[in-house]
Amino acid sequence: MIEFITENALILIPVLNIIGVILKDTEKIPDKFIPIILSGIGVVGAIAIMGLSPESVVQGVLVTGTAVYGNQIVKQLKKKE
């Protein structure tokens, strides 16, 4: 997936990870809404970086997917079964 993300949008991946951690620590926001919130932030961030276009919306979705997917891989690998 990373080869489909433009270089300008890569900065959003760690930003979204940090925001996700902050949201996770917020008791008022249920965990099930965190990916949806991050999607909105990712799209807005990509639009801010790249300008309003269909490509920037796609980039926002891709960086959000990468951030959430990466977070889940780390979580799953830490599980003891």
PDB file of N, CA and C in Angstrom:
ATOM      1  N   MET A   1       0.826  -1.194   0.000  1.00  0.00           N
ATOM      2  CA  MET A   1       0.000   0.000   0.000  1.00  0.00           C
ATOM      3  C   MET A   1       0.870   1.258   0.000  1.00  0.00           C
ATOM      4  N   ILE A   2       2.006   1.190   0.619  1.00  0.00           N
ATOM      5  CA  ILE A   2       2.837   2.383   0.792  1.00  0.00           C
ATOM      6  C   ILE A   2       3.305   2.951  -0.551  1.00  0.00           C
ATOM      7  N   GLU A   3       3.442   2.120  -1.590  1.00  0.00           N
ATOM      8  CA  GLU A   3       3.888   2.646  -2.876  1.00  0.00           C
ATOM      9  C   GLU A   3       2.822   3.474  -3.572  1.00  0.00           C
ATOM     10  N   PHE A   4       1.597   3.408  -3.107  1.00  0.00           N
ATOM     11  CA  PHE A   4       0.513   4.196  -3.684  1.00  0.00           C
ATOM     12  C   PHE A   4       0.352   5.560  -3.014  1.00  0.00           C
ATOM     13  N   ILE A   5       1.045   5.757  -1.909  1.00  0.00           N
ATOM     14  CA  ILE A   5       0.931   7.020  -1.171  1.00  0.00           C
ATOM     15  C   ILE A   5       2.004   7.982  -1.667  1.00  0.00           C
ATOM     16  N   THR A   6       1.590   9.202  -1.982  1.00  0.00           N
ATOM     17  CA  THR A   6       2.558  10.194  -2.445  1.00  0.00           C
ATOM     18  C   THR A   6       3.464  10.616  -1.287  1.00  0.00           C
ATOM     19  N   GLU A   7       4.638  11.043  -1.636  1.00  0.00           N
ATOM     20  CA  GLU A   7       5.636  11.416  -0.632  1.00  0.00           C
ATOM     21  C   GLU A   7       5.130  12.529   0.287  1.00  0.00           C
ATOM     22  N   ASN A   8       4.387  13.471  -0.266  1.00  0.00           N
ATOM     23  CA  ASN A   8       3.869  14.587   0.541  1.00  0.00           C
ATOM     24  C   ASN A   8       2.931  14.116   1.645  1.00  0.00           C
ATOM     25  N   ALA A   9       2.192  13.056   1.389  1.00  0.00           N
ATOM     26  CA  ALA A   9       1.181  12.594   2.343  1.00  0.00           C
ATOM     27  C   ALA A   9       1.739  11.654   3.410  1.00  0.00           C
ATOM     28  N   LEU A  10       2.975  11.181   3.247  1.00  0.00           N
ATOM     29  CA  LEU A  10       3.542  10.236   4.208  1.00  0.00           C
ATOM     30  C   LEU A  10       3.610  10.786   5.629  1.00  0.00           C
ATOM     31  N   ILE A  11       3.779  12.072   5.768  1.00  0.00           N
ATOM     32  CA  ILE A  11       3.873  12.692   7.104  1.00  0.00           C
ATOM     33  C   ILE A  11       2.591  12.477   7.908  1.00  0.00           C
ATOM     34  N   LEU A  12       1.483  12.249   7.216  1.00  0.00           N
ATOM     35  CA  LEU A  12       0.209  12.078   7.914  1.00  0.00           C
ATOM     36  C   LEU A  12       0.120  10.756   8.676  1.00  0.00           C
ATOM     37  N   ILE A  13       0.896   9.758   8.274  1.00  0.00           N
ATOM     38  CA  ILE A  13       0.812   8.451   8.943  1.00  0.00           C
ATOM     39  C   ILE A  13       1.208   8.543  10.416  1.00  0.00           C
ATOM     40  N   PRO A  14       2.385   9.065  10.760  1.00  0.00           N
ATOM     41  CA  PRO A  14       2.697   9.179  12.197  1.00  0.00           C
ATOM     42  C   PRO A  14       1.789  10.172  12.918  1.00  0.00           C
ATOM     43  N   VAL A  15       1.356  11.212  12.218  1.00  0.00           N
ATOM     44  CA  VAL A  15       0.439  12.182  12.830  1.00  0.00           C
ATOM     45  C   VAL A  15      -0.860  11.482  13.220  1.00  0.00           C
ATOM     46  N   LEU A  16      -1.388  10.669  12.311  1.00  0.00           N
ATOM     47  CA  LEU A  16      -2.621   9.937  12.604  1.00  0.00           C
ATOM     48  C   LEU A  16      -2.424   8.920  13.718  1.00  0.00           C
ATOM     49  N   ASN A  17      -1.255   8.305  13.777  1.00  0.00           N
ATOM     50  CA  ASN A  17      -0.963   7.372  14.877  1.00  0.00           C
ATOM     51  C   ASN A  17      -0.985   8.085  16.227  1.00  0.00           C
ATOM     52  N   ILE A  18      -0.380   9.244  16.282  1.00  0.00           N
ATOM     53  CA  ILE A  18      -0.357  10.019  17.532  1.00  0.00           C
ATOM     54  C   ILE A  18      -1.764  10.452  17.918  1.00  0.00           C
ATOM     55  N   ILE A  19      -2.521  10.945  16.955  1.00  0.00           N
ATOM     56  CA  ILE A  19      -3.898  11.355  17.241  1.00  0.00           C
ATOM     57  C   ILE A  19      -4.716  10.154  17.695  1.00  0.00           C
ATOM     58  N   GLY A  20      -4.490   8.996  17.078  1.00  0.00           N
ATOM     59  CA  GLY A  20      -5.197   7.779  17.481  1.00  0.00           C
ATOM     60  C   GLY A  20      -4.909   7.393  18.920  1.00  0.00           C
ATOM     61  N   VAL A  21      -3.665   7.516  19.332  1.00  0.00           N
ATOM     62  CA  VAL A  21      -3.290   7.209  20.725  1.00  0.00           C
ATOM     63  C   VAL A  21      -3.990   8.183  21.675  1.00  0.00           C
ATOM     64  N   ILE A  22      -4.006   9.446  21.294  1.00  0.00           N
ATOM     65  CA  ILE A  22      -4.676  10.450  22.129  1.00  0.00           C
ATOM     66  C   ILE A  22      -6.165  10.145  22.237  1.00  0.00           C
ATOM     67  N   LEU A  23      -6.795   9.801  21.116  1.00  0.00           N
ATOM     68  CA  LEU A  23      -8.228   9.480  21.128  1.00  0.00           C
ATOM     69  C   LEU A  23      -8.499   8.217  21.950  1.00  0.00           C
ATOM     70  N   LYS A  24      -7.596   7.256  21.872  1.00  0.00           N
ATOM     71  CA  LYS A  24      -7.754   6.012  22.631  1.00  0.00           C
ATOM     72  C   LYS A  24      -7.754   6.286  24.136  1.00  0.00           C
ATOM     73  N   ASP A  25      -6.960   7.258  24.556  1.00  0.00           N
ATOM     74  CA  ASP A  25      -6.888   7.603  25.972  1.00  0.00           C
ATOM     75  C   ASP A  25      -8.054   8.477  26.433  1.00  0.00           C
ATOM     76  N   THR A  26      -8.858   8.938  25.492  1.00  0.00           N
ATOM     77  CA  THR A  26     -10.020   9.756  25.823  1.00  0.00           C
ATOM     78  C   THR A  26     -11.198   8.835  26.100  1.00  0.00           C
ATOM     79  N   GLU A  27     -11.694   8.866  27.312  1.00  0.00           N
ATOM     80  CA  GLU A  27     -12.776   7.960  27.697  1.00  0.00           C
ATOM     81  C   GLU A  27     -14.108   8.319  27.040  1.00  0.00           C
ATOM     82  N   LYS A  28     -14.280   9.561  26.611  1.00  0.00           N
ATOM     83  CA  LYS A  28     -15.543   9.996  26.042  1.00  0.00           C
ATOM     84  C   LYS A  28     -15.778   9.480  24.628  1.00  0.00           C
ATOM     85  N   ILE A  29     -14.714   9.037  23.959  1.00  0.00           N
ATOM     86  CA  ILE A  29     -14.830   8.567  22.586  1.00  0.00           C
ATOM     87  C   ILE A  29     -14.694   7.051  22.568  1.00  0.00           C
ATOM     88  N   PRO A  30     -15.768   6.338  22.167  1.00  0.00           N
ATOM     89  CA  PRO A  30     -15.671   4.873  22.076  1.00  0.00           C
ATOM     90  C   PRO A  30     -14.652   4.453  21.013  1.00  0.00           C
ATOM     91  N   ASP A  31     -13.967   3.349  21.265  1.00  0.00           N
ATOM     92  CA  ASP A  31     -12.928   2.870  20.352  1.00  0.00           C
ATOM     93  C   ASP A  31     -13.445   2.640  18.936  1.00  0.00           C
ATOM     94  N   LYS A  32     -14.707   2.234  18.810  1.00  0.00           N
ATOM     95  CA  LYS A  32     -15.232   1.915  17.478  1.00  0.00           C
ATOM     96  C   LYS A  32     -15.314   3.141  16.569  1.00  0.00           C
ATOM     97  N   PHE A  33     -15.287   4.352  17.151  1.00  0.00           N
ATOM     98  CA  PHE A  33     -15.371   5.565  16.340  1.00  0.00           C
ATOM     99  C   PHE A  33     -14.001   6.138  15.971  1.00  0.00           C
ATOM    100  N   ILE A  34     -12.945   5.617  16.557  1.00  0.00           N
ATOM    101  CA  ILE A  34     -11.609   6.162  16.295  1.00  0.00           C
ATOM    102  C   ILE A  34     -11.217   6.058  14.818  1.00  0.00           C
ATOM    103  N   PRO A  35     -11.400   4.905  14.138  1.00  0.00           N
ATOM    104  CA  PRO A  35     -11.042   4.862  12.714  1.00  0.00           C
ATOM    105  C   PRO A  35     -11.838   5.845  11.853  1.00  0.00           C
ATOM    106  N   ILE A  36     -13.087   6.071  12.196  1.00  0.00           N
ATOM    107  CA  ILE A  36     -13.914   7.019  11.436  1.00  0.00           C
ATOM    108  C   ILE A  36     -13.397   8.440  11.632  1.00  0.00           C
ATOM    109  N   ILE A  37     -13.070   8.785  12.866  1.00  0.00           N
ATOM    110  CA  ILE A  37     -12.531  10.114  13.159  1.00  0.00           C
ATOM    111  C   ILE A  37     -11.190  10.303  12.450  1.00  0.00           C
ATOM    112  N   LEU A  38     -10.342   9.272  12.511  1.00  0.00           N
ATOM    113  CA  LEU A  38      -9.047   9.360  11.848  1.00  0.00           C
ATOM    114  C   LEU A  38      -9.198   9.489  10.331  1.00  0.00           C
ATOM    115  N   SER A  39     -10.214   8.854   9.764  1.00  0.00           N
ATOM    116  CA  SER A  39     -10.460   8.983   8.322  1.00  0.00           C
ATOM    117  C   SER A  39     -10.736  10.427   7.947  1.00  0.00           C
ATOM    118  N   GLY A  40     -11.584  11.070   8.721  1.00  0.00           N
ATOM    119  CA  GLY A  40     -11.884  12.474   8.455  1.00  0.00           C
ATOM    120  C   GLY A  40     -10.649  13.347   8.586  1.00  0.00           C
ATOM    121  N   ILE A  41      -9.876  13.109   9.624  1.00  0.00           N
ATOM    122  CA  ILE A  41      -8.652  13.890   9.827  1.00  0.00           C
ATOM    123  C   ILE A  41      -7.647  13.617   8.709  1.00  0.00           C
ATOM    124  N   GLY A  42      -7.534  12.364   8.285  1.00  0.00           N
ATOM    125  CA  GLY A  42      -6.620  12.010   7.204  1.00  0.00           C
ATOM    126  C   GLY A  42      -6.981  12.678   5.891  1.00  0.00           C
ATOM    127  N   VAL A  43      -8.269  12.690   5.570  1.00  0.00           N
ATOM    128  CA  VAL A  43      -8.715  13.329   4.320  1.00  0.00           C
ATOM    129  C   VAL A  43      -8.499  14.838   4.390  1.00  0.00           C
ATOM    130  N   VAL A  44      -8.878  15.449   5.509  1.00  0.00           N
ATOM    131  CA  VAL A  44      -8.674  16.896   5.661  1.00  0.00           C
ATOM    132  C   VAL A  44      -7.181  17.235   5.614  1.00  0.00           C
ATOM    133  N   GLY A  45      -6.358  16.413   6.246  1.00  0.00           N
ATOM    134  CA  GLY A  45      -4.916  16.644   6.221  1.00  0.00           C
ATOM    135  C   GLY A  45      -4.340  16.539   4.821  1.00  0.00           C
ATOM    136  N   ALA A  46      -4.786  15.547   4.072  1.00  0.00           N
ATOM    137  CA  ALA A  46      -4.295  15.387   2.697  1.00  0.00           C
ATOM    138  C   ALA A  46      -4.758  16.550   1.820  1.00  0.00           C
ATOM    139  N   ILE A  47      -5.979  17.010   2.025  1.00  0.00           N
ATOM    140  CA  ILE A  47      -6.470  18.169   1.271  1.00  0.00           C
ATOM    141  C   ILE A  47      -5.647  19.400   1.629  1.00  0.00           C
ATOM    142  N   ALA A  48      -5.307  19.548   2.892  1.00  0.00           N
ATOM    143  CA  ALA A  48      -4.502  20.694   3.317  1.00  0.00           C
ATOM    144  C   ALA A  48      -3.114  20.664   2.671  1.00  0.00           C
ATOM    145  N   ILE A  49      -2.561  19.480   2.518  1.00  0.00           N
ATOM    146  CA  ILE A  49      -1.223  19.342   1.944  1.00  0.00           C
ATOM    147  C   ILE A  49      -1.251  19.447   0.415  1.00  0.00           C
ATOM    148  N   MET A  50      -2.235  18.779  -0.200  1.00  0.00           N
ATOM    149  CA  MET A  50      -2.224  18.617  -1.652  1.00  0.00           C
ATOM    150  C   MET A  50      -3.244  19.490  -2.393  1.00  0.00           C
ATOM    151  N   GLY A  51      -4.140  20.109  -1.662  1.00  0.00           N
ATOM    152  CA  GLY A  51      -5.202  20.868  -2.312  1.00  0.00           C
ATOM    153  C   GLY A  51      -6.421  19.992  -2.532  1.00  0.00           C
ATOM    154  N   LEU A  52      -7.539  20.622  -2.789  1.00  0.00           N
ATOM    155  CA  LEU A  52      -8.799  19.899  -2.951  1.00  0.00           C
ATOM    156  C   LEU A  52      -8.846  19.225  -4.321  1.00  0.00           C
ATOM    157  N   SER A  53      -8.828  17.896  -4.285  1.00  0.00           N
ATOM    158  CA  SER A  53      -8.919  17.111  -5.519  1.00  0.00           C
ATOM    159  C   SER A  53      -9.315  15.690  -5.137  1.00  0.00           C
ATOM    160  N   PRO A  54      -9.807  14.928  -6.102  1.00  0.00           N
ATOM    161  CA  PRO A  54     -10.113  13.521  -5.802  1.00  0.00           C
ATOM    162  C   PRO A  54      -8.869  12.745  -5.341  1.00  0.00           C
ATOM    163  N   GLU A  55      -7.704  13.081  -5.907  1.00  0.00           N
ATOM    164  CA  GLU A  55      -6.470  12.396  -5.528  1.00  0.00           C
ATOM    165  C   GLU A  55      -6.130  12.636  -4.054  1.00  0.00           C
ATOM    166  N   SER A  56      -6.353  13.847  -3.567  1.00  0.00           N
ATOM    167  CA  SER A  56      -6.037  14.120  -2.164  1.00  0.00           C
ATOM    168  C   SER A  56      -6.979  13.370  -1.232  1.00  0.00           C
ATOM    169  N   VAL A  57      -8.233  13.206  -1.638  1.00  0.00           N
ATOM    170  CA  VAL A  57      -9.171  12.426  -0.824  1.00  0.00           C
ATOM    171  C   VAL A  57      -8.711  10.968  -0.770  1.00  0.00           C
ATOM    172  N   VAL A  58      -8.319  10.432  -1.913  1.00  0.00           N
ATOM    173  CA  VAL A  58      -7.815   9.052  -1.953  1.00  0.00           C
ATOM    174  C   VAL A  58      -6.561   8.928  -1.090  1.00  0.00           C
ATOM    175  N   GLN A  59      -5.670   9.895  -1.163  1.00  0.00           N
ATOM    176  CA  GLN A  59      -4.456   9.870  -0.349  1.00  0.00           C
ATOM    177  C   GLN A  59      -4.805   9.890   1.142  1.00  0.00           C
ATOM    178  N   GLY A  60      -5.807  10.676   1.510  1.00  0.00           N
ATOM    179  CA  GLY A  60      -6.242  10.720   2.903  1.00  0.00           C
ATOM    180  C   GLY A  60      -6.743   9.378   3.387  1.00  0.00           C
ATOM    181  N   VAL A  61      -7.493   8.701   2.545  1.00  0.00           N
ATOM    182  CA  VAL A  61      -7.999   7.368   2.897  1.00  0.00           C
ATOM    183  C   VAL A  61      -6.834   6.372   2.995  1.00  0.00           C
ATOM    184  N   LEU A  62      -5.891   6.458   2.065  1.00  0.00           N
ATOM    185  CA  LEU A  62      -4.749   5.537   2.085  1.00  0.00           C
ATOM    186  C   LEU A  62      -3.863   5.727   3.315  1.00  0.00           C
ATOM    187  N   VAL A  63      -3.583   6.968   3.678  1.00  0.00           N
ATOM    188  CA  VAL A  63      -2.734   7.175   4.857  1.00  0.00           C
ATOM    189  C   VAL A  63      -3.451   6.750   6.125  1.00  0.00           C
ATOM    190  N   THR A  64      -4.761   6.971   6.177  1.00  0.00           N
ATOM    191  CA  THR A  64      -5.519   6.519   7.346  1.00  0.00           C
ATOM    192  C   THR A  64      -5.513   5.003   7.424  1.00  0.00           C
ATOM    193  N   GLY A  65      -5.733   4.351   6.296  1.00  0.00           N
ATOM    194  CA  GLY A  65      -5.708   2.888   6.271  1.00  0.00           C
ATOM    195  C   GLY A  65      -4.367   2.337   6.708  1.00  0.00           C
ATOM    196  N   THR A  66      -3.304   2.966   6.258  1.00  0.00           N
ATOM    197  CA  THR A  66      -1.960   2.526   6.638  1.00  0.00           C
ATOM    198  C   THR A  66      -1.721   2.722   8.132  1.00  0.00           C
ATOM    199  N   ALA A  67      -2.151   3.849   8.663  1.00  0.00           N
ATOM    200  CA  ALA A  67      -1.962   4.128  10.092  1.00  0.00           C
ATOM    201  C   ALA A  67      -2.747   3.142  10.959  1.00  0.00           C
ATOM    202  N   VAL A  68      -4.012   2.916  10.614  1.00  0.00           N
ATOM    203  CA  VAL A  68      -4.862   2.020  11.409  1.00  0.00           C
ATOM    204  C   VAL A  68      -4.381   0.571  11.267  1.00  0.00           C
ATOM    205  N   TYR A  69      -4.045   0.181  10.043  1.00  0.00           N
ATOM    206  CA  TYR A  69      -3.561  -1.179   9.790  1.00  0.00           C
ATOM    207  C   TYR A  69      -2.253  -1.437  10.543  1.00  0.00           C
ATOM    208  N   GLY A  70      -1.340  -0.481  10.485  1.00  0.00           N
ATOM    209  CA  GLY A  70      -0.079  -0.615  11.207  1.00  0.00           C
ATOM    210  C   GLY A  70      -0.289  -0.742  12.700  1.00  0.00           C
ATOM    211  N   ASN A  71      -1.213   0.050  13.233  1.00  0.00           N
ATOM    212  CA  ASN A  71      -1.526  -0.019  14.654  1.00  0.00           C
ATOM    213  C   ASN A  71      -2.076  -1.393  15.027  1.00  0.00           C
ATOM    214  N   GLN A  72      -2.942  -1.933  14.188  1.00  0.00           N
ATOM    215  CA  GLN A  72      -3.538  -3.241  14.470  1.00  0.00           C
ATOM    216  C   GLN A  72      -2.511  -4.369  14.389  1.00  0.00           C
ATOM    217  N   ILE A  73      -1.569  -4.256  13.463  1.00  0.00           N
ATOM    218  CA  ILE A  73      -0.515  -5.278  13.373  1.00  0.00           C
ATOM    219  C   ILE A  73       0.285  -5.314  14.675  1.00  0.00           C
ATOM    220  N   VAL A  74       0.675  -4.146  15.160  1.00  0.00           N
ATOM    221  CA  VAL A  74       1.441  -4.079  16.408  1.00  0.00           C
ATOM    222  C   VAL A  74       0.625  -4.656  17.560  1.00  0.00           C
ATOM    223  N   LYS A  75      -0.653  -4.284  17.647  1.00  0.00           N
ATOM    224  CA  LYS A  75      -1.506  -4.800  18.728  1.00  0.00           C
ATOM    225  C   LYS A  75      -1.627  -6.314  18.681  1.00  0.00           C
ATOM    226  N   GLN A  76      -1.869  -6.849  17.479  1.00  0.00           N
ATOM    227  CA  GLN A  76      -2.074  -8.283  17.348  1.00  0.00           C
ATOM    228  C   GLN A  76      -0.796  -9.077  17.644  1.00  0.00           C
ATOM    229  N   LEU A  77       0.339  -8.528  17.262  1.00  0.00           N
ATOM    230  CA  LEU A  77       1.598  -9.218  17.525  1.00  0.00           C
ATOM    231  C   LEU A  77       1.953  -9.233  19.009  1.00  0.00           C
ATOM    232  N   LYS A  78       1.431  -8.265  19.753  1.00  0.00           N
ATOM    233  CA  LYS A  78       1.701  -8.207  21.191  1.00  0.00           C
ATOM    234  C   LYS A  78       0.803  -9.150  21.995  1.00  0.00           C
ATOM    235  N   LYS A  79      -0.285  -9.622  21.364  1.00  0.00           N
ATOM    236  CA  LYS A  79      -1.217 -10.509  22.079  1.00  0.00           C
ATOM    237  C   LYS A  79      -0.560 -11.838  22.395  1.00  0.00           C
ATOM    238  N   LYS A  80      -0.871 -12.337  23.588  1.00  0.00           N
ATOM    239  CA  LYS A  80      -0.394 -13.656  23.989  1.00  0.00           C
ATOM    240  C   LYS A  80      -1.576 -14.605  23.926  1.00  0.00           C
ATOM    241  N   GLU A  81      -1.431 -15.626  23.128  1.00  0.00           N
ATOM    242  CA  GLU A  81      -2.534 -16.593  22.979  1.00  0.00           C
ATOM    243  C   GLU A  81      -2.157 -17.928  23.549  1.00  0.00           C
TER     244      GLU A  81
END
